[in-house]
Amino acid sequence: MHKMEQRQLYKFVFSLQSFDKQREDDARHLQLQNLAMQGLNGHKLKVPPRPHLFSDPKFEISLVEHLEREHLEYVLSQTHPVMLSSLPSKKYFVVNAALSLPHVGEKDPNDADLDWHDPQLRRFWNVATARYLIDVLQHVVVCANIAMPGGLHLHTGFLYLDGQHRQLRMGNIDMWHPVDRTAEIGWPTFATLDFDAVWQWYLKQNGTLAGFSDGPLSRAVAALSHLFSESTDTTGMRDLMWSLAGLEGLFGGSRAPSISELCEKSFALLGGPANEQLVRKQIKEMYNFRSRLIHGQRNLASHVRREEMHSYSKFDSRHAEENNTIGLSVAILLAAVQKCAEDNRMSLPFKYKIGDG
């Protein structure tokens, strides 16, 4: 039996406070965040084993309002002075992870040439393992938003390992904006699911932790996960492309569905909207917007001016309409994936039925 030494501890800390004043004061946003925290606080996450980790990672998620002094001092040193006044009211999303270390001097059973007495090898193992654990956290964010859409957004934080802090940027999409968009038009609607059940369903989808997607549903889940990757895109191209790729993969199978087919199948899965004409118009606009982007018919600014354009787009009516269209596209994909998770589906077959004559 392979002997184990002490356990290596990793602490991940992310602030849950937004510096978007409008969102921070929004009662619905706070409700979504509270739902997510209730579902995750104190949660012990089960993670599948991985080669060269020597033991299964142990995750424990918690919500804290006060950091230990050494951690708070680090946060203060990394925070812009303008934002310091709001720090006392912050809440923190904390994940403590632990892994058993290989016994010093003992050979790796998977590779006899590796000697864990070498400190450089141990440091490399720590860095590689930390990267894997960060990847697991990304999966947690995806699953938390499938279970409780818009409730969890991790952006900047830090990793505490071996007495040192390391800044982290998750850079994932804030699902609150697409969810907020659906509240305006009343469709699609979202449920609140048990995180554990969603996590187990998610791990069964090919292409999540290993391999590639192999069917319409797993392709949709994979496409959704890409929306949580870091991006500096201000055109909306990234979010629109991945959300429509997920929807077309889910509802089209081996071919791209027509606009009418995507509408009919999404209505069948998610229920028909009260204002069907408006939603059909918005879905048609998704395709028009994508076509204009792909075929070079939309005017763009230089990528170098991305921060300027991000601020500008909030006040420009054309960009506001496009942002609403993109938000709905993301929301439909998220709602469709959530519905499949709720029903514990591993596939989503559609059949045509002839009604009574």
Protein backbone atom coordinates (compact mmCIF):
# COMPACT_ATOMS: atom_id res chain seq x y z
CA MET A 1 0.00 0.00 0.00
CA HIS A 2 1.27 3.45 -0.92
CA LYS A 3 2.13 5.40 2.24
CA MET A 4 0.86 8.93 2.70
CA GLU A 5 2.49 11.83 4.49
CA GLN A 6 0.80 14.98 5.74
CA ARG A 7 -2.08 16.58 3.90
CA GLN A 8 -1.48 19.59 1.68
CA LEU A 9 -4.01 22.33 2.38
CA TYR A 10 -5.31 24.87 -0.13
CA LYS A 11 -7.57 27.81 0.75
CA PHE A 12 -9.46 29.64 -2.00
CA VAL A 13 -11.17 32.93 -1.10
CA PHE A 14 -13.40 35.06 -3.34
CA SER A 15 -15.36 38.19 -2.51
CA LEU A 16 -19.10 37.99 -3.15
CA GLN A 17 -19.66 41.73 -3.15
CA SER A 18 -20.27 43.50 -6.42
CA PHE A 19 -19.10 47.04 -7.02
CA ASP A 20 -22.00 47.50 -9.42
CA LYS A 21 -24.21 49.63 -7.14
CA GLN A 22 -27.38 48.99 -9.15
CA ARG A 23 -26.95 45.23 -8.88
CA GLU A 24 -25.82 45.31 -5.25
CA ASP A 25 -29.04 47.11 -4.27
CA ASP A 26 -31.26 44.85 -6.36
CA ALA A 27 -33.45 42.73 -4.09
CA ARG A 28 -33.74 39.94 -6.66
CA HIS A 29 -29.97 39.68 -7.05
CA LEU A 30 -29.55 39.42 -3.28
CA GLN A 31 -32.25 36.75 -3.17
CA LEU A 32 -30.48 34.72 -5.86
CA GLN A 33 -27.15 35.05 -4.07
CA ASN A 34 -28.68 34.02 -0.74
CA LEU A 35 -30.26 30.95 -2.37
CA ALA A 36 -26.90 29.92 -3.79
CA MET A 37 -25.16 30.40 -0.46
CA GLN A 38 -27.79 28.41 1.40
CA GLY A 39 -27.34 25.59 -1.10
CA LEU A 40 -23.52 25.64 -0.93
CA ASN A 41 -22.59 26.73 2.61
CA GLY A 42 -21.03 23.87 4.56
CA HIS A 43 -21.08 21.67 1.49
CA LYS A 44 -18.52 18.86 1.23
CA LEU A 45 -17.91 18.29 -2.44
CA LYS A 46 -17.21 14.83 -3.83
CA VAL A 47 -14.71 14.99 -6.68
CA PRO A 48 -13.78 12.03 -8.92
CA PRO A 49 -10.22 10.69 -8.49
CA ARG A 50 -7.49 11.85 -10.84
CA PRO A 51 -4.12 10.22 -11.67
CA HIS A 52 -1.02 11.48 -9.80
CA LEU A 53 -3.07 13.16 -7.05
CA PHE A 54 -2.51 10.12 -4.76
CA SER A 55 -5.87 10.70 -3.06
CA ASP A 56 -9.29 12.11 -3.85
CA PRO A 57 -9.48 15.88 -3.24
CA LYS A 58 -11.54 16.92 -0.23
CA PHE A 59 -13.50 20.14 -0.69
CA GLU A 60 -15.46 22.06 1.91
CA ILE A 61 -17.33 25.22 0.94
CA SER A 62 -18.24 27.93 3.43
CA LEU A 63 -19.50 31.51 3.53
CA VAL A 64 -17.73 33.88 5.93
CA GLU A 65 -18.16 37.57 6.74
CA HIS A 66 -14.79 38.10 8.43
CA LEU A 67 -11.40 36.93 7.18
CA GLU A 68 -8.46 35.99 9.35
CA ARG A 69 -6.11 38.92 9.82
CA GLU A 70 -3.33 37.73 7.50
CA HIS A 71 -5.84 37.14 4.70
CA LEU A 72 -7.61 40.46 5.23
CA GLU A 73 -4.28 42.31 5.15
CA TYR A 74 -3.53 40.70 1.80
CA VAL A 75 -6.97 41.68 0.44
CA LEU A 76 -6.43 45.26 1.63
CA SER A 77 -3.05 45.41 -0.09
CA GLN A 78 -4.62 44.29 -3.40
CA THR A 79 -7.67 46.58 -3.25
CA HIS A 80 -7.96 49.95 -4.95
CA PRO A 81 -8.30 52.79 -2.38
CA VAL A 82 -11.66 53.88 -3.86
CA MET A 83 -13.13 50.48 -2.94
CA LEU A 84 -11.71 50.20 0.58
CA SER A 85 -14.68 51.88 2.26
CA SER A 86 -17.02 49.04 1.32
CA LEU A 87 -14.75 46.20 2.42
CA PRO A 88 -16.26 45.70 5.93
CA SER A 89 -19.60 44.72 4.39
CA LYS A 90 -18.13 42.09 2.10
CA LYS A 91 -18.99 38.43 2.25
CA TYR A 92 -16.47 35.83 1.18
CA PHE A 93 -16.86 32.52 -0.59
CA VAL A 94 -14.25 30.20 0.90
CA VAL A 95 -13.22 26.74 -0.27
CA ASN A 96 -10.83 24.65 1.81
CA ALA A 97 -9.30 21.81 -0.18
CA ALA A 98 -6.99 19.06 1.06
CA LEU A 99 -4.91 16.38 -0.62
CA SER A 100 -2.65 13.72 0.83
CA LEU A 101 0.99 14.24 -0.10
CA PRO A 102 3.19 11.37 -1.28
CA HIS A 103 5.68 10.06 1.27
CA VAL A 104 9.05 11.83 0.98
CA GLY A 105 11.66 9.59 -0.60
CA GLU A 106 9.15 7.03 -1.80
CA LYS A 107 8.80 6.25 -5.48
CA ASP A 108 5.67 7.19 -7.35
CA PRO A 109 3.74 3.97 -8.14
CA ASN A 110 2.66 5.55 -11.45
CA ASP A 111 6.19 6.56 -12.43
CA ALA A 112 9.19 4.81 -10.82
CA ASP A 113 11.58 7.57 -11.96
CA LEU A 114 9.94 10.21 -9.78
CA ASP A 115 11.44 10.72 -6.32
CA TRP A 116 9.26 12.86 -4.05
CA HIS A 117 12.28 13.78 -1.93
CA ASP A 118 13.10 16.35 -4.63
CA PRO A 119 11.70 19.73 -3.40
CA GLN A 120 11.47 21.07 -6.95
CA LEU A 121 9.23 18.15 -7.89
CA ARG A 122 7.08 18.80 -4.83
CA ARG A 123 6.67 22.46 -5.79
CA PHE A 124 5.71 21.46 -9.32
CA TRP A 125 3.16 19.02 -7.91
CA ASN A 126 1.67 21.77 -5.72
CA VAL A 127 1.33 24.15 -8.67
CA ALA A 128 -0.16 21.49 -10.97
CA THR A 129 -2.56 20.36 -8.27
CA ALA A 130 -3.64 23.92 -7.53
CA ARG A 131 -4.40 24.39 -11.23
CA TYR A 132 -6.56 21.27 -11.17
CA LEU A 133 -8.40 22.44 -8.05
CA ILE A 134 -9.08 25.82 -9.71
CA ASP A 135 -10.56 23.91 -12.65
CA VAL A 136 -12.81 22.05 -10.21
CA LEU A 137 -13.93 25.42 -8.82
CA GLN A 138 -14.90 26.47 -12.34
CA HIS A 139 -17.09 23.37 -12.55
CA VAL A 140 -18.62 24.30 -9.18
CA VAL A 141 -19.53 27.74 -10.54
CA VAL A 142 -21.14 26.21 -13.64
CA CYS A 143 -23.14 23.72 -11.56
CA ALA A 144 -24.15 26.32 -8.99
CA ASN A 145 -25.58 28.45 -11.79
CA ILE A 146 -27.41 25.48 -13.30
CA ALA A 147 -28.89 24.72 -9.88
CA MET A 148 -29.45 28.33 -8.79
CA PRO A 149 -29.10 30.59 -11.88
CA GLY A 150 -27.46 33.94 -11.25
CA GLY A 151 -26.59 33.13 -7.65
CA LEU A 152 -22.82 32.65 -7.79
CA HIS A 153 -20.27 34.79 -9.58
CA LEU A 154 -16.57 34.48 -8.71
CA HIS A 155 -14.25 37.01 -10.29
CA THR A 156 -11.14 37.90 -8.29
CA GLY A 157 -9.83 36.17 -5.20
CA PHE A 158 -6.74 34.47 -3.89
CA LEU A 159 -5.22 31.07 -3.20
CA TYR A 160 -3.41 30.56 0.12
CA LEU A 161 -0.80 27.80 -0.10
CA ASP A 162 2.29 27.12 2.01
CA GLY A 163 2.03 30.47 3.79
CA GLN A 164 1.81 32.51 0.58
CA HIS A 165 -1.02 34.30 -1.18
CA ARG A 166 -1.55 34.12 -4.92
CA GLN A 167 -4.10 36.28 -6.69
CA LEU A 168 -6.71 34.49 -8.81
CA ARG A 169 -8.96 35.70 -11.61
CA MET A 170 -11.78 33.35 -12.53
CA GLY A 171 -13.24 35.76 -15.08
CA ASN A 172 -16.54 33.90 -15.49
CA ILE A 173 -19.72 35.41 -16.91
CA ASP A 174 -22.14 36.94 -14.43
CA MET A 175 -25.38 35.03 -15.03
CA TRP A 176 -27.38 37.58 -13.08
CA HIS A 177 -27.74 39.77 -16.19
CA PRO A 178 -29.28 37.04 -18.44
CA VAL A 179 -31.52 35.93 -15.55
CA ASP A 180 -32.55 39.54 -14.97
CA ARG A 181 -33.38 39.83 -18.67
CA THR A 182 -35.85 36.92 -18.43
CA ALA A 183 -37.62 38.65 -15.55
CA GLU A 184 -38.38 41.54 -17.88
CA ILE A 185 -40.14 39.42 -20.52
CA GLY A 186 -41.37 36.61 -18.27
CA TRP A 187 -39.65 33.76 -20.13
CA PRO A 188 -37.92 31.41 -19.67
CA THR A 189 -38.46 30.72 -15.99
CA PHE A 190 -35.95 29.05 -13.67
CA ALA A 191 -36.23 26.59 -10.80
CA THR A 192 -34.02 26.17 -7.74
CA LEU A 193 -32.41 22.73 -7.74
CA ASP A 194 -30.36 20.75 -5.25
CA PHE A 195 -26.68 21.36 -5.94
CA ASP A 196 -25.65 17.76 -5.14
CA ALA A 197 -28.14 16.33 -7.64
CA VAL A 198 -26.97 18.75 -10.35
CA TRP A 199 -23.31 17.98 -9.59
CA GLN A 200 -23.84 14.22 -9.99
CA TRP A 201 -25.81 14.76 -13.22
CA TYR A 202 -23.14 17.13 -14.54
CA LEU A 203 -20.30 14.68 -13.93
CA LYS A 204 -22.10 12.09 -16.07
CA GLN A 205 -21.98 14.36 -19.11
CA ASN A 206 -19.11 13.46 -21.44
CA GLY A 207 -16.75 16.34 -22.02
CA THR A 208 -16.97 17.85 -18.53
CA LEU A 209 -14.05 16.44 -16.54
CA ALA A 210 -12.62 14.31 -19.35
CA GLY A 211 -13.00 13.51 -23.02
CA PHE A 212 -15.32 15.24 -25.46
CA SER A 213 -19.06 15.71 -25.70
CA ASP A 214 -20.76 12.92 -27.62
CA GLY A 215 -24.36 13.98 -28.12
CA PRO A 216 -26.75 16.95 -28.27
CA LEU A 217 -27.13 17.34 -24.51
CA SER A 218 -23.46 16.97 -23.59
CA ARG A 219 -22.59 19.43 -26.38
CA ALA A 220 -25.01 21.94 -24.89
CA VAL A 221 -23.48 21.51 -21.43
CA ALA A 222 -19.97 21.94 -22.86
CA ALA A 223 -21.05 25.08 -24.73
CA LEU A 224 -22.57 26.50 -21.55
CA SER A 225 -19.31 25.94 -19.66
CA HIS A 226 -17.45 28.09 -22.22
CA LEU A 227 -19.55 31.07 -21.14
CA PHE A 228 -17.77 30.94 -17.77
CA SER A 229 -14.27 31.38 -19.20
CA GLU A 230 -12.39 34.66 -18.99
CA SER A 231 -12.96 36.97 -21.93
CA THR A 232 -12.27 40.58 -22.89
CA ASP A 233 -14.79 40.50 -25.74
CA THR A 234 -17.01 43.61 -25.84
CA THR A 235 -18.84 42.78 -29.07
CA GLY A 236 -21.02 40.06 -27.59
CA MET A 237 -19.65 37.63 -30.17
CA ARG A 238 -18.30 35.13 -27.62
CA ASP A 239 -21.49 34.84 -25.55
CA LEU A 240 -23.81 34.78 -28.56
CA MET A 241 -21.74 32.20 -30.45
CA TRP A 242 -21.45 29.77 -27.54
CA SER A 243 -25.06 30.11 -26.43
CA LEU A 244 -26.41 29.58 -29.95
CA ALA A 245 -23.94 26.71 -30.49
CA GLY A 246 -25.37 25.08 -27.36
CA LEU A 247 -28.98 25.67 -28.40
CA GLU A 248 -28.45 24.45 -31.96
CA GLY A 249 -26.58 21.41 -30.68
CA LEU A 250 -29.38 20.61 -28.24
CA PHE A 251 -32.35 21.23 -30.53
CA GLY A 252 -30.85 20.47 -33.93
CA GLY A 253 -28.97 17.23 -33.36
CA SER A 254 -26.83 16.52 -36.43
CA ARG A 255 -27.99 19.64 -38.30
CA ALA A 256 -28.65 23.29 -37.54
CA PRO A 257 -32.32 23.89 -36.65
CA SER A 258 -34.36 26.60 -38.32
CA ILE A 259 -35.47 29.60 -36.27
CA SER A 260 -39.00 28.20 -36.18
CA GLU A 261 -37.74 24.77 -35.05
CA LEU A 262 -35.61 26.28 -32.27
CA CYS A 263 -38.65 28.25 -31.08
CA GLU A 264 -40.98 25.25 -31.13
CA LYS A 265 -38.58 22.91 -29.37
CA SER A 266 -37.58 25.43 -26.70
CA PHE A 267 -41.28 26.14 -26.06
CA ALA A 268 -41.95 22.39 -25.79
CA LEU A 269 -39.14 21.95 -23.25
CA LEU A 270 -39.53 25.15 -21.25
CA GLY A 271 -43.20 25.97 -21.72
CA GLY A 272 -44.63 28.55 -24.05
CA PRO A 273 -44.11 32.24 -23.23
CA ALA A 274 -47.06 34.51 -22.52
CA ASN A 275 -45.76 36.97 -25.12
CA GLU A 276 -44.86 34.45 -27.80
CA GLN A 277 -44.63 37.00 -30.59
CA LEU A 278 -42.02 39.04 -28.69
CA VAL A 279 -39.90 35.98 -27.90
CA ARG A 280 -40.01 34.74 -31.49
CA LYS A 281 -38.88 38.18 -32.63
CA GLN A 282 -36.01 38.14 -30.11
CA ILE A 283 -34.88 34.65 -31.19
CA LYS A 284 -34.94 35.76 -34.83
CA GLU A 285 -32.80 38.75 -33.83
CA MET A 286 -30.23 36.38 -32.25
CA TYR A 287 -29.65 34.84 -35.67
CA ASN A 288 -29.63 38.23 -37.41
CA PHE A 289 -27.07 39.57 -34.93
CA ARG A 290 -24.82 36.53 -35.36
CA SER A 291 -25.09 36.79 -39.14
CA ARG A 292 -24.09 40.47 -39.07
CA LEU A 293 -21.07 39.67 -36.91
CA ILE A 294 -19.89 36.72 -38.98
CA HIS A 295 -20.37 38.41 -42.35
CA GLY A 296 -18.72 41.67 -41.31
CA GLN A 297 -21.88 43.77 -41.38
CA ARG A 298 -21.66 45.15 -37.85
CA ASN A 299 -19.51 48.20 -37.12
CA LEU A 300 -16.86 47.52 -34.47
CA ALA A 301 -14.29 49.44 -32.46
CA SER A 302 -10.67 48.39 -31.97
CA HIS A 303 -10.04 45.72 -29.35
CA VAL A 304 -7.58 48.16 -27.74
CA ARG A 305 -10.59 50.34 -26.81
CA ARG A 306 -12.49 47.48 -25.18
CA GLU A 307 -12.81 49.17 -21.76
CA GLU A 308 -14.06 52.39 -23.35
CA MET A 309 -16.59 50.50 -25.47
CA HIS A 310 -17.77 48.49 -22.47
CA SER A 311 -18.82 51.72 -20.76
CA TYR A 312 -20.17 53.23 -23.98
CA SER A 313 -22.34 50.24 -24.77
CA LYS A 314 -24.39 50.72 -21.59
CA PHE A 315 -25.73 54.03 -22.92
CA ASP A 316 -26.02 53.32 -26.63
CA SER A 317 -29.53 52.17 -27.59
CA ARG A 318 -28.33 49.83 -30.34
CA HIS A 319 -25.86 48.11 -28.03
CA ALA A 320 -28.49 47.91 -25.29
CA GLU A 321 -30.84 46.04 -27.65
CA GLU A 322 -28.06 43.70 -28.71
CA ASN A 323 -27.08 43.06 -25.09
CA ASN A 324 -30.72 42.15 -24.34
CA THR A 325 -30.74 39.76 -27.29
CA ILE A 326 -27.50 38.11 -26.15
CA GLY A 327 -28.82 37.91 -22.58
CA LEU A 328 -31.92 36.06 -23.76
CA SER A 329 -29.83 33.65 -25.84
CA VAL A 330 -27.70 32.78 -22.80
CA ALA A 331 -30.79 32.52 -20.59
CA ILE A 332 -32.56 30.06 -22.94
CA LEU A 333 -29.49 27.80 -23.01
CA LEU A 334 -29.15 27.94 -19.22
CA ALA A 335 -32.86 27.23 -18.71
CA ALA A 336 -32.77 24.31 -21.17
CA VAL A 337 -29.75 22.73 -19.46
CA GLN A 338 -31.34 23.28 -16.05
CA LYS A 339 -34.56 21.59 -17.17
CA CYS A 340 -32.60 18.57 -18.40
CA ALA A 341 -30.75 18.42 -15.07
CA GLU A 342 -34.02 18.72 -13.16
CA ASP A 343 -35.50 15.81 -15.13
CA ASN A 344 -32.19 13.88 -14.85
CA ARG A 345 -32.08 13.54 -18.61
CA MET A 346 -29.09 12.11 -20.44
CA SER A 347 -30.58 12.84 -23.85
CA LEU A 348 -33.33 15.02 -25.29
CA PRO A 349 -35.19 13.24 -28.10
CA PHE A 350 -37.98 15.05 -29.96
CA LYS A 351 -40.73 13.27 -31.87
CA TYR A 352 -43.36 14.58 -34.25
CA LYS A 353 -46.92 13.56 -33.42
CA ILE A 354 -49.98 13.73 -35.68
CA GLY A 355 -52.97 15.09 -33.85
CA ASP A 356 -56.55 13.87 -34.10
CA GLY A 357 -58.18 14.71 -37.40
